């Protein structure tokens, strides 16, 4: 990503947070703020691409290649703990 517009587009719903971070940053810190958000945008785009690839496998009834650990029960337990406060 080479422009502010590209970063903003890649961030989607988080774009207003990027704009706020830029607006609130002292001028000397603007390059660091842009670089931080560029990394976030790049990671977001990569995650979306991985999710789409996994959805394609799922649509074909196949398991994506690689080693997978089922963490369903852990996620459910964490969610329950957050809901109940325990």
N, C-alpha and C. Protein backbone atom coordinates (compact mmCIF):
# COMPACT_ATOMS: atom_id res chain seq x y z
N UNK A 1 0.84 -1.17 0.00
CA UNK A 1 0.00 0.00 0.00
C UNK A 1 0.89 1.23 0.00
N UNK A 2 0.62 2.09 -0.95
CA UNK A 2 1.49 3.23 -1.14
C UNK A 2 0.83 4.59 -0.90
N UNK A 3 -0.48 4.60 -0.69
CA UNK A 3 -1.16 5.88 -0.47
C UNK A 3 -2.08 5.79 0.74
N UNK A 4 -2.40 6.96 1.26
CA UNK A 4 -3.35 7.04 2.38
C UNK A 4 -4.70 6.46 1.94
N UNK A 5 -5.10 6.74 0.72
CA UNK A 5 -6.38 6.23 0.20
C UNK A 5 -6.39 4.70 0.17
N UNK A 6 -5.29 4.08 -0.22
CA UNK A 6 -5.22 2.62 -0.25
C UNK A 6 -5.30 2.04 1.16
N UNK A 7 -4.63 2.67 2.08
CA UNK A 7 -4.69 2.21 3.48
C UNK A 7 -6.12 2.33 3.99
N UNK A 8 -6.73 3.49 3.78
CA UNK A 8 -8.09 3.73 4.24
C UNK A 8 -9.05 2.70 3.63
N UNK A 9 -8.92 2.43 2.34
CA UNK A 9 -9.80 1.46 1.68
C UNK A 9 -9.62 0.06 2.26
N UNK A 10 -8.38 -0.33 2.53
CA UNK A 10 -8.12 -1.66 3.07
C UNK A 10 -8.63 -1.82 4.49
N UNK A 11 -8.69 -0.72 5.23
CA UNK A 11 -9.14 -0.79 6.63
C UNK A 11 -10.65 -0.93 6.76
N UNK A 12 -11.39 -0.57 5.73
CA UNK A 12 -12.84 -0.70 5.79
C UNK A 12 -13.43 0.05 6.97
N UNK A 13 -14.16 -0.65 7.83
CA UNK A 13 -14.83 0.01 8.96
C UNK A 13 -13.87 0.66 9.96
N UNK A 14 -12.61 0.28 9.95
CA UNK A 14 -11.64 0.88 10.87
C UNK A 14 -11.03 2.16 10.31
N UNK A 15 -11.38 2.54 9.09
CA UNK A 15 -10.82 3.73 8.47
C UNK A 15 -11.02 5.00 9.30
N UNK A 16 -12.17 5.21 9.94
CA UNK A 16 -12.30 6.40 10.78
C UNK A 16 -11.30 6.44 11.94
N UNK A 17 -10.95 5.28 12.48
CA UNK A 17 -9.94 5.25 13.55
C UNK A 17 -8.58 5.67 13.00
N UNK A 18 -8.28 5.25 11.78
CA UNK A 18 -7.03 5.65 11.13
C UNK A 18 -7.01 7.16 10.95
N UNK A 19 -8.11 7.72 10.44
CA UNK A 19 -8.18 9.17 10.25
C UNK A 19 -8.03 9.91 11.57
N UNK A 20 -8.66 9.40 12.61
CA UNK A 20 -8.55 10.04 13.92
C UNK A 20 -7.12 9.98 14.44
N UNK A 21 -6.45 8.85 14.22
CA UNK A 21 -5.06 8.72 14.66
C UNK A 21 -4.17 9.70 13.92
N UNK A 22 -4.41 9.86 12.63
CA UNK A 22 -3.63 10.84 11.85
C UNK A 22 -3.92 12.26 12.32
N UNK A 23 -5.19 12.56 12.51
CA UNK A 23 -5.58 13.92 12.92
C UNK A 23 -5.00 14.29 14.28
N UNK A 24 -4.88 13.32 15.17
CA UNK A 24 -4.42 13.61 16.52
C UNK A 24 -2.91 13.51 16.71
N UNK A 25 -2.22 13.06 15.68
CA UNK A 25 -0.78 12.85 15.83
C UNK A 25 0.00 14.14 15.60
N UNK A 26 1.01 14.39 16.42
CA UNK A 26 1.92 15.50 16.13
C UNK A 26 2.60 15.23 14.78
N UNK A 27 2.92 16.27 14.06
CA UNK A 27 3.49 16.10 12.72
C UNK A 27 4.71 15.18 12.70
N UNK A 28 5.53 15.26 13.71
CA UNK A 28 6.73 14.42 13.74
C UNK A 28 6.39 12.93 13.85
N UNK A 29 5.21 12.62 14.36
CA UNK A 29 4.82 11.23 14.55
C UNK A 29 3.96 10.68 13.41
N UNK A 30 3.58 11.51 12.46
CA UNK A 30 2.71 11.07 11.36
C UNK A 30 3.31 9.89 10.58
N UNK A 31 4.59 9.90 10.22
CA UNK A 31 5.12 8.74 9.50
C UNK A 31 4.97 7.42 10.27
N UNK A 32 5.20 7.47 11.58
CA UNK A 32 5.06 6.25 12.39
C UNK A 32 3.60 5.81 12.46
N UNK A 33 2.69 6.76 12.55
CA UNK A 33 1.25 6.43 12.59
C UNK A 33 0.84 5.80 11.26
N UNK A 34 1.30 6.37 10.16
CA UNK A 34 0.96 5.82 8.84
C UNK A 34 1.52 4.41 8.71
N UNK A 35 2.77 4.20 9.12
CA UNK A 35 3.38 2.88 9.02
C UNK A 35 2.64 1.85 9.87
N UNK A 36 2.25 2.23 11.08
CA UNK A 36 1.50 1.31 11.95
C UNK A 36 0.20 0.89 11.28
N UNK A 37 -0.55 1.86 10.76
CA UNK A 37 -1.82 1.55 10.14
C UNK A 37 -1.64 0.85 8.80
N UNK A 38 -0.53 1.09 8.12
CA UNK A 38 -0.25 0.36 6.87
C UNK A 38 -0.05 -1.12 7.19
N UNK A 39 0.66 -1.41 8.28
CA UNK A 39 0.83 -2.81 8.69
C UNK A 39 -0.51 -3.43 9.05
N UNK A 40 -1.35 -2.71 9.78
CA UNK A 40 -2.67 -3.22 10.15
C UNK A 40 -3.49 -3.50 8.89
N UNK A 41 -3.46 -2.58 7.94
CA UNK A 41 -4.21 -2.76 6.69
C UNK A 41 -3.69 -3.96 5.91
N UNK A 42 -2.38 -4.10 5.84
CA UNK A 42 -1.78 -5.24 5.12
C UNK A 42 -2.17 -6.55 5.79
N UNK A 43 -2.12 -6.60 7.11
CA UNK A 43 -2.52 -7.80 7.84
C UNK A 43 -4.01 -8.10 7.64
N UNK A 44 -4.82 -7.06 7.60
CA UNK A 44 -6.26 -7.23 7.40
C UNK A 44 -6.55 -7.82 6.03
N UNK A 45 -5.91 -7.28 5.00
CA UNK A 45 -6.10 -7.79 3.64
C UNK A 45 -5.67 -9.26 3.57
N UNK A 46 -4.54 -9.59 4.18
CA UNK A 46 -4.06 -10.98 4.17
C UNK A 46 -5.03 -11.91 4.90
N UNK A 47 -5.58 -11.46 6.02
CA UNK A 47 -6.55 -12.28 6.77
C UNK A 47 -7.82 -12.51 5.96
N UNK A 48 -8.28 -11.48 5.27
CA UNK A 48 -9.47 -11.63 4.43
C UNK A 48 -9.21 -12.64 3.32
N UNK A 49 -8.03 -12.56 2.71
CA UNK A 49 -7.69 -13.51 1.65
C UNK A 49 -7.63 -14.94 2.17
N UNK A 50 -7.05 -15.12 3.36
CA UNK A 50 -7.00 -16.46 3.96
C UNK A 50 -8.41 -16.95 4.27
N UNK A 51 -9.26 -16.08 4.78
CA UNK A 51 -10.64 -16.46 5.08
C UNK A 51 -11.40 -16.87 3.84
N UNK A 52 -11.20 -16.13 2.77
CA UNK A 52 -11.87 -16.49 1.50
C UNK A 52 -11.39 -17.84 0.97
N UNK A 53 -10.09 -18.07 1.08
CA UNK A 53 -9.54 -19.35 0.63
C UNK A 53 -10.11 -20.49 1.46
N UNK A 54 -10.22 -20.29 2.77
CA UNK A 54 -10.79 -21.33 3.62
C UNK A 54 -12.26 -21.55 3.31
N UNK A 55 -12.98 -20.47 3.00
CA UNK A 55 -14.39 -20.60 2.65
C UNK A 55 -14.56 -21.39 1.36
N UNK A 56 -13.62 -21.24 0.43
CA UNK A 56 -13.68 -22.02 -0.81
C UNK A 56 -13.53 -23.51 -0.52
N UNK A 57 -12.60 -23.86 0.36
CA UNK A 57 -12.46 -25.27 0.75
C UNK A 57 -13.75 -25.76 1.40
N UNK A 58 -14.29 -24.96 2.29
CA UNK A 58 -15.51 -25.34 3.00
C UNK A 58 -16.66 -25.54 2.03
N UNK A 59 -16.78 -24.65 1.05
CA UNK A 59 -17.87 -24.76 0.07
C UNK A 59 -17.77 -26.05 -0.73
N UNK A 60 -16.55 -26.55 -0.90
CA UNK A 60 -16.36 -27.81 -1.64
C UNK A 60 -16.41 -29.02 -0.71
N UNK A 61 -16.64 -28.77 0.58
CA UNK A 61 -16.69 -29.87 1.55
C UNK A 61 -15.33 -30.46 1.85
N UNK A 62 -14.30 -29.67 1.65
CA UNK A 62 -12.93 -30.14 1.86
C UNK A 62 -12.31 -29.44 3.06
N UNK A 63 -11.27 -30.04 3.59
CA UNK A 63 -10.51 -29.47 4.70
C UNK A 63 -9.30 -28.77 4.11
N UNK A 64 -9.03 -27.53 4.51
CA UNK A 64 -7.85 -26.85 3.99
C UNK A 64 -6.58 -27.62 4.35
N UNK A 65 -5.55 -27.51 3.50
CA UNK A 65 -4.32 -28.23 3.81
C UNK A 65 -3.65 -27.67 5.06
N UNK A 66 -2.87 -28.49 5.68
CA UNK A 66 -2.15 -28.06 6.87
C UNK A 66 -2.63 -28.79 8.10
N UNK A 67 -2.03 -28.45 9.21
CA UNK A 67 -2.38 -29.06 10.48
C UNK A 67 -3.33 -28.13 11.22
N UNK A 68 -4.44 -28.65 11.68
CA UNK A 68 -5.47 -27.82 12.34
C UNK A 68 -5.76 -28.35 13.72
N UNK A 69 -5.90 -27.44 14.67
CA UNK A 69 -6.23 -27.80 16.04
C UNK A 69 -7.62 -27.24 16.32
N UNK A 70 -8.53 -28.12 16.73
CA UNK A 70 -9.90 -27.68 17.02
C UNK A 70 -9.92 -27.00 18.38
N UNK A 71 -10.23 -25.73 18.39
CA UNK A 71 -10.28 -24.95 19.62
C UNK A 71 -11.71 -24.51 19.96
N UNK A 72 -12.67 -25.20 19.38
CA UNK A 72 -14.06 -24.83 19.57
C UNK A 72 -14.44 -24.78 21.05
N UNK A 73 -14.10 -25.82 21.78
CA UNK A 73 -14.49 -25.87 23.20
C UNK A 73 -13.81 -24.77 24.00
N UNK A 74 -12.56 -24.47 23.68
CA UNK A 74 -11.86 -23.39 24.38
C UNK A 74 -12.54 -22.05 24.11
N UNK A 75 -12.91 -21.80 22.87
CA UNK A 75 -13.58 -20.55 22.52
C UNK A 75 -14.92 -20.46 23.24
N UNK A 76 -15.66 -21.55 23.26
CA UNK A 76 -16.95 -21.56 23.97
C UNK A 76 -16.76 -21.31 25.46
N UNK A 77 -15.77 -21.93 26.05
CA UNK A 77 -15.49 -21.74 27.48
C UNK A 77 -15.11 -20.29 27.76
N UNK A 78 -14.27 -19.71 26.91
CA UNK A 78 -13.89 -18.31 27.08
C UNK A 78 -15.10 -17.39 26.96
N UNK A 79 -15.96 -17.67 25.99
CA UNK A 79 -17.16 -16.86 25.80
C UNK A 79 -18.08 -16.96 27.01
N UNK A 80 -18.25 -18.16 27.53
CA UNK A 80 -19.09 -18.36 28.71
C UNK A 80 -18.50 -17.63 29.91
N UNK A 81 -17.20 -17.72 30.08
CA UNK A 81 -16.55 -17.04 31.19
C UNK A 81 -16.74 -15.53 31.07
N UNK A 82 -16.65 -14.99 29.89
CA UNK A 82 -16.86 -13.55 29.70
C UNK A 82 -18.31 -13.15 29.96
N UNK A 83 -19.24 -14.04 29.54
CA UNK A 83 -20.66 -13.74 29.76
C UNK A 83 -21.02 -13.75 31.24
N UNK A 84 -20.46 -14.71 31.96
CA UNK A 84 -20.84 -14.87 33.37
C UNK A 84 -19.92 -14.14 34.33
N UNK A 85 -18.78 -13.69 33.83
CA UNK A 85 -17.84 -12.99 34.70
C UNK A 85 -16.96 -13.92 35.51
N UNK A 86 -16.89 -15.20 35.14
CA UNK A 86 -16.05 -16.17 35.87
C UNK A 86 -14.98 -16.72 34.97
